[in-house]
Structures are given as structure tokens and as C-alpha cells.
Amino acid sequence: MLSAVIASLQATSGITIMGTALFGSDRLSERAFRLLRWATDRPEPPKLRR
């Protein structure tokens, strides 16, 4: 039963982060994508000059 609760919490967190990354404001979207990169242990992309 505990494993089911933990799995559902992880799924809910993942769905919330993905929804924020795709449909949130620009600032929230950037933060959500940073969190996803951090969770998957990937480096930050290089800064683009504007």
C-alpha cells in the first residue's frame, strides 16, 4: 500500500511539472525545464547571445 502511495505521488509530481513546463508562463516554464534537467542530471545548455 505504501508503494502505491509513493508511486502515485511521483506520477502526480511528474504530471504537474510537465504541465507547468508546457502550459505555464515563460518564467514558470523555464524553471520547470530546469528542474527536469536537474532531475535527469543533464547540464545546462549554453547561453544564447541575443
C-alpha atoms as a PDB file:
ATOM      1  CA  MET A   1       0.000   0.000   0.000  1.00  0.00           C
ATOM      2  CA  LEU A   2       2.856   2.385   0.822  1.00  0.00           C
ATOM      3  CA  SER A   3       4.482   1.737  -2.534  1.00  0.00           C
ATOM      4  CA  ALA A   4       1.215   2.604  -4.297  1.00  0.00           C
ATOM      5  CA  VAL A   5       1.035   5.912  -2.443  1.00  0.00           C
ATOM      6  CA  ILE A   6       4.643   6.753  -3.286  1.00  0.00           C
ATOM      7  CA  ALA A   7       4.146   5.836  -6.940  1.00  0.00           C
ATOM      8  CA  SER A   8       1.027   7.988  -7.195  1.00  0.00           C
ATOM      9  CA  LEU A   9       2.844  10.940  -5.597  1.00  0.00           C
ATOM     10  CA  GLN A  10       5.671  10.601  -8.114  1.00  0.00           C
ATOM     11  CA  ALA A  11       3.235  10.402 -11.010  1.00  0.00           C
ATOM     12  CA  THR A  12       1.328  13.445  -9.762  1.00  0.00           C
ATOM     13  CA  SER A  13       4.553  15.420  -9.353  1.00  0.00           C
ATOM     14  CA  GLY A  14       5.708  14.465 -12.843  1.00  0.00           C
ATOM     15  CA  ILE A  15       2.418  15.434 -14.441  1.00  0.00           C
ATOM     16  CA  THR A  16       2.398  18.756 -12.582  1.00  0.00           C
ATOM     17  CA  ILE A  17       5.960  19.597 -13.653  1.00  0.00           C
ATOM     18  CA  MET A  18       5.301  18.637 -17.280  1.00  0.00           C
ATOM     19  CA  GLY A  19       2.072  20.646 -17.338  1.00  0.00           C
ATOM     20  CA  THR A  20       3.856  23.673 -15.927  1.00  0.00           C
ATOM     21  CA  ALA A  21       6.705  23.296 -18.412  1.00  0.00           C
ATOM     22  CA  LEU A  22       4.335  23.107 -21.372  1.00  0.00           C
ATOM     23  CA  PHE A  23       1.465  25.405 -20.413  1.00  0.00           C
ATOM     24  CA  GLY A  24       2.841  27.750 -17.723  1.00  0.00           C
ATOM     25  CA  SER A  25       4.085  31.299 -18.096  1.00  0.00           C
ATOM     26  CA  ASP A  26       7.548  31.831 -19.584  1.00  0.00           C
ATOM     27  CA  ARG A  27       9.168  32.170 -16.163  1.00  0.00           C
ATOM     28  CA  LEU A  28       7.486  29.083 -14.677  1.00  0.00           C
ATOM     29  CA  SER A  29       8.158  27.098 -17.831  1.00  0.00           C
ATOM     30  CA  GLU A  30      11.873  27.900 -17.684  1.00  0.00           C
ATOM     31  CA  ARG A  31      12.020  26.834 -14.041  1.00  0.00           C
ATOM     32  CA  ALA A  32      10.156  23.599 -14.729  1.00  0.00           C
ATOM     33  CA  PHE A  33      12.528  22.702 -17.571  1.00  0.00           C
ATOM     34  CA  ARG A  34      15.488  23.467 -15.289  1.00  0.00           C
ATOM     35  CA  LEU A  35      14.015  21.153 -12.672  1.00  0.00           C
ATOM     36  CA  LEU A  36      13.615  18.405 -15.285  1.00  0.00           C
ATOM     37  CA  ARG A  37      17.257  18.827 -16.374  1.00  0.00           C
ATOM     38  CA  TRP A  38      18.358  18.704 -12.746  1.00  0.00           C
ATOM     39  CA  ALA A  39      16.295  15.570 -12.074  1.00  0.00           C
ATOM     40  CA  THR A  40      17.790  13.779 -15.104  1.00  0.00           C
ATOM     41  CA  ASP A  41      21.315  15.001 -14.254  1.00  0.00           C
ATOM     42  CA  ARG A  42      21.856  16.847 -17.524  1.00  0.00           C
ATOM     43  CA  PRO A  43      23.948  20.033 -17.851  1.00  0.00           C
ATOM     44  CA  GLU A  44      22.523  23.457 -18.553  1.00  0.00           C
ATOM     45  CA  PRO A  45      22.527  24.341 -22.238  1.00  0.00           C
ATOM     46  CA  PRO A  46      24.903  27.153 -23.272  1.00  0.00           C
ATOM     47  CA  LYS A  47      23.505  30.666 -23.071  1.00  0.00           C
ATOM     48  CA  LEU A  48      22.421  32.137 -26.390  1.00  0.00           C
ATOM     49  CA  ARG A  49      23.520  35.672 -27.157  1.00  0.00           C
ATOM     50  CA  ARG A  50      20.643  37.942 -28.012  1.00  0.00           C
END
